[in-house]
Amino acid sequence: LITNKDEINSILQDNGLDGFIYNKCLDEKEMIGDASIIKQHEDKLIILDKRNTKKLFCFDITGKLLWLYEGKGSGPLEYKKISDFVINKNSKTIEVLDDGNFKIIELSFEGKPKNEHKLGVFASEFEIFENNYLLYTKNFYVSDSLDYKLLLYNKSDGILSRNLKLKENEKKILWYGFNSLNKYNSVLYFNEKLNDTIYS
């Protein structure tokens, strides 16, 4: 559980959110076991705990819990495992990546599930890139046609391009524990741990 304001400020700075003025503890109505991913949208702080509670939380600037998204399962608008999320300012949605059901679930800014889109491919991280999605497969080898680290994906047209082909020795190595895709302003960065390389 994270309730110490110094601890949350440290996490915010580590996530590039040091501009977010946080001066109170988080609401204790719902426990957060691990702040896996933290993102800011206007005066809201959205936190994904993908290891313990496996929920998405939204707090206001005072630390008050506004909503949480929980809906484990395999049915419509349910998830098996949330691995990532993005804030889509164009569609005014929060898009959640479910790497257990291979789909993206769209939430309103109020945390209500609105729609879902089945990917048909495995991805554990994603970012919005020129109205498409850049999917990171974490080296999960599916087939010879999908043995790439990065897939550019469009909801209407499917896979648009395949990038960074997996080498034989990489096909069985899945990398977890850090985020490889990061976006700063309009530039997208991919940190490839296997080669100790950052692409932009």
Protein backbone atom coordinates (compact mmCIF):
# COMPACT_ATOMS: atom_id res chain seq x y z
CA LEU A 1 0.00 0.00 0.00
CA ILE A 2 1.36 3.40 -0.99
CA THR A 3 0.18 6.17 1.31
CA ASN A 4 3.35 8.10 2.08
CA LYS A 5 3.46 11.36 0.10
CA ASP A 6 7.27 11.32 -0.18
CA GLU A 7 7.12 7.83 -1.65
CA ILE A 8 4.47 8.77 -4.22
CA ASN A 9 6.37 11.96 -5.12
CA SER A 10 9.49 9.87 -5.71
CA ILE A 11 7.53 7.49 -7.95
CA LEU A 12 6.04 10.43 -9.85
CA GLN A 13 9.48 11.90 -10.50
CA ASP A 14 10.79 8.51 -11.64
CA ASN A 15 7.90 8.40 -14.13
CA GLY A 16 8.56 11.91 -15.43
CA LEU A 17 5.58 13.40 -13.60
CA ASP A 18 7.39 15.75 -11.25
CA GLY A 19 5.13 18.57 -12.48
CA PHE A 20 2.17 16.93 -10.76
CA ILE A 21 1.79 18.70 -7.40
CA TYR A 22 0.93 15.95 -4.93
CA ASN A 23 0.59 16.89 -1.30
CA LYS A 24 -1.74 14.36 0.29
CA CYS A 25 -1.78 10.61 0.82
CA LEU A 26 -3.77 8.32 -1.46
CA ASP A 27 -7.26 7.29 -0.43
CA GLU A 28 -7.10 4.14 1.68
CA LYS A 29 -10.53 2.86 0.57
CA GLU A 30 -8.80 0.76 -2.06
CA MET A 31 -5.37 -0.74 -1.51
CA ILE A 32 -2.65 -0.47 -4.14
CA GLY A 33 -0.04 -3.19 -3.82
CA ASP A 34 2.28 -2.02 -6.58
CA ALA A 35 2.31 1.17 -8.64
CA SER A 36 3.43 -0.58 -11.84
CA ILE A 37 2.57 2.30 -14.19
CA ILE A 38 1.63 5.87 -13.27
CA LYS A 39 0.30 8.45 -15.74
CA GLN A 40 -1.15 11.90 -15.32
CA HIS A 41 -4.15 13.31 -17.19
CA GLU A 42 -4.98 16.92 -16.31
CA ASP A 43 -5.65 16.88 -12.55
CA LYS A 44 -6.00 13.10 -12.34
CA LEU A 45 -3.44 10.44 -11.49
CA ILE A 46 -4.02 7.00 -13.05
CA ILE A 47 -2.20 4.05 -11.52
CA LEU A 48 -2.03 0.45 -12.74
CA ASP A 49 -1.26 -2.25 -10.21
CA LYS A 50 -0.58 -5.19 -12.48
CA ARG A 51 1.02 -7.46 -9.91
CA ASN A 52 -1.14 -7.49 -6.78
CA THR A 53 -4.68 -6.13 -7.08
CA LYS A 54 -4.57 -6.22 -10.92
CA LYS A 55 -6.76 -3.10 -11.12
CA LEU A 56 -6.60 0.37 -12.65
CA PHE A 57 -7.08 3.25 -10.18
CA CYS A 58 -7.85 6.93 -10.75
CA PHE A 59 -7.24 9.56 -8.05
CA ASP A 60 -7.75 13.30 -8.04
CA ILE A 61 -5.06 15.77 -7.07
CA THR A 62 -6.04 15.54 -3.38
CA GLY A 63 -5.53 11.76 -3.36
CA LYS A 64 -9.26 10.94 -3.37
CA LEU A 65 -10.19 7.77 -5.26
CA LEU A 66 -12.44 8.72 -8.18
CA TRP A 67 -12.89 5.29 -9.73
CA LEU A 68 -11.29 1.93 -10.27
CA TYR A 69 -11.60 -0.48 -13.14
CA GLU A 70 -11.95 -4.12 -12.23
CA GLY A 71 -13.64 -6.77 -14.31
CA LYS A 72 -11.66 -9.97 -14.47
CA GLY A 73 -12.87 -12.58 -16.92
CA SER A 74 -12.98 -13.44 -20.60
CA GLY A 75 -16.31 -11.84 -21.50
CA PRO A 76 -16.98 -8.54 -23.25
CA LEU A 77 -15.24 -5.58 -21.56
CA GLU A 78 -13.55 -7.96 -19.08
CA TYR A 79 -9.84 -8.60 -18.77
CA LYS A 80 -7.57 -11.45 -17.77
CA LYS A 81 -4.40 -9.42 -17.27
CA ILE A 82 -3.89 -5.69 -17.75
CA SER A 83 -0.31 -5.16 -18.83
CA ASP A 84 -0.37 -1.53 -20.00
CA PHE A 85 -2.59 1.48 -20.69
CA VAL A 86 -2.45 4.69 -22.70
CA ILE A 87 -4.35 7.96 -22.46
CA ASN A 88 -5.87 8.75 -25.85
CA LYS A 89 -6.61 12.47 -25.83
CA ASN A 90 -8.05 12.39 -29.36
CA SER A 91 -10.78 9.87 -28.56
CA LYS A 92 -11.02 11.01 -24.92
CA THR A 93 -10.49 7.48 -23.67
CA ILE A 94 -8.13 5.44 -21.56
CA GLU A 95 -7.14 2.37 -23.55
CA VAL A 96 -6.21 -0.73 -21.58
CA LEU A 97 -4.11 -3.56 -23.01
CA ASP A 98 -5.26 -7.01 -21.90
CA ASP A 99 -2.43 -9.39 -22.80
CA GLY A 100 -4.41 -12.35 -21.46
CA ASN A 101 -7.31 -11.94 -23.90
CA PHE A 102 -5.23 -10.25 -26.66
CA LYS A 103 -7.42 -7.14 -26.79
CA ILE A 104 -7.66 -3.43 -26.07
CA ILE A 105 -10.50 -2.14 -23.90
CA GLU A 106 -11.54 1.51 -24.12
CA LEU A 107 -12.62 3.29 -20.94
CA SER A 108 -14.17 6.73 -20.62
CA PHE A 109 -12.28 9.27 -18.53
CA GLU A 110 -14.81 8.37 -15.82
CA GLY A 111 -13.58 4.76 -15.85
CA LYS A 112 -16.59 3.22 -17.64
CA PRO A 113 -15.82 0.48 -20.20
CA LYS A 114 -17.10 1.57 -23.62
CA ASN A 115 -15.71 -0.69 -26.29
CA GLU A 116 -13.13 -3.35 -27.00
CA HIS A 117 -11.01 -4.40 -29.95
CA LYS A 118 -9.52 -7.88 -30.38
CA LEU A 119 -5.91 -7.72 -31.54
CA GLY A 120 -5.38 -11.34 -32.52
CA VAL A 121 -1.70 -11.00 -31.55
CA PHE A 122 0.17 -10.98 -28.25
CA ALA A 123 1.45 -7.66 -26.93
CA SER A 124 2.43 -6.64 -23.43
CA GLU A 125 3.12 -2.94 -24.07
CA PHE A 126 1.73 -0.41 -26.52
CA GLU A 127 1.73 3.25 -27.43
CA ILE A 128 -0.32 5.36 -29.81
CA PHE A 129 1.71 6.25 -32.89
CA GLU A 130 0.19 8.37 -35.68
CA ASN A 131 -3.37 7.08 -35.04
CA ASN A 132 -2.10 3.50 -34.92
CA TYR A 133 -0.73 1.32 -32.13
CA LEU A 134 2.88 0.30 -31.76
CA LEU A 135 2.77 -3.10 -30.03
CA TYR A 136 5.73 -4.63 -28.20
CA THR A 137 5.62 -8.43 -28.18
CA LYS A 138 8.25 -8.94 -25.43
CA ASN A 139 9.86 -11.43 -27.85
CA PHE A 140 6.87 -13.77 -27.59
CA TYR A 141 7.30 -16.04 -30.61
CA VAL A 142 3.93 -16.84 -32.20
CA SER A 143 4.66 -17.70 -35.82
CA ASP A 144 7.18 -16.98 -38.56
CA SER A 145 4.99 -14.14 -39.85
CA LEU A 146 4.84 -12.49 -36.41
CA ASP A 147 8.35 -13.12 -35.08
CA TYR A 148 9.09 -9.43 -34.63
CA LYS A 149 9.56 -7.31 -31.53
CA LEU A 150 7.47 -4.36 -32.70
CA LEU A 151 4.23 -4.47 -34.69
CA LEU A 152 2.50 -1.39 -36.09
CA TYR A 153 -1.21 -2.09 -35.80
CA ASN A 154 -4.34 -0.39 -37.06
CA LYS A 155 -7.83 -1.22 -35.76
CA SER A 156 -9.30 -1.37 -39.26
CA ASP A 157 -6.41 -2.78 -41.28
CA GLY A 158 -4.63 -5.02 -38.76
CA ILE A 159 -0.82 -5.25 -38.89
CA LEU A 160 0.68 -2.49 -41.03
CA SER A 161 4.35 -3.27 -40.49
CA ARG A 162 6.71 -5.62 -38.66
CA ASN A 163 9.92 -4.28 -37.13
CA LEU A 164 13.05 -5.72 -35.50
CA LYS A 165 12.89 -9.39 -36.43
CA LEU A 166 13.56 -11.82 -33.59
CA LYS A 167 16.81 -13.75 -33.70
CA GLU A 168 16.71 -17.46 -32.93
CA ASN A 169 18.31 -17.02 -29.51
CA GLU A 170 15.72 -14.34 -28.57
CA LYS A 171 12.54 -16.30 -29.30
CA LYS A 172 12.36 -17.95 -25.89
CA ILE A 173 13.42 -14.96 -23.80
CA LEU A 174 10.55 -12.85 -22.44
CA TRP A 175 11.54 -9.59 -20.79
CA TYR A 176 9.44 -8.33 -17.89
CA GLY A 177 9.98 -5.88 -15.08
CA PHE A 178 10.48 -2.60 -16.92
CA ASN A 179 8.73 -0.56 -19.59
CA SER A 180 10.38 -0.65 -23.00
CA LEU A 181 8.04 1.76 -24.82
CA ASN A 182 7.89 5.36 -23.64
CA LYS A 183 6.50 8.50 -25.21
CA TYR A 184 7.72 11.99 -24.45
CA ASN A 185 5.92 14.83 -26.25
CA SER A 186 5.51 13.42 -29.76
CA VAL A 187 8.63 11.21 -29.76
CA LEU A 188 8.31 7.50 -29.10
CA TYR A 189 11.25 5.64 -27.53
CA PHE A 190 11.89 1.91 -27.56
CA ASN A 191 14.51 0.56 -25.17
CA GLU A 192 15.73 -2.82 -26.36
CA LYS A 193 17.25 -4.46 -23.33
CA LEU A 194 18.75 -7.38 -25.24
CA ASN A 195 20.98 -5.05 -27.26
CA ASP A 196 21.20 -2.23 -24.70
CA THR A 197 19.87 0.07 -27.41
CA ILE A 198 17.33 2.92 -27.43
CA TYR A 199 15.44 3.62 -30.67
CA SER A 200 13.36 6.74 -31.32
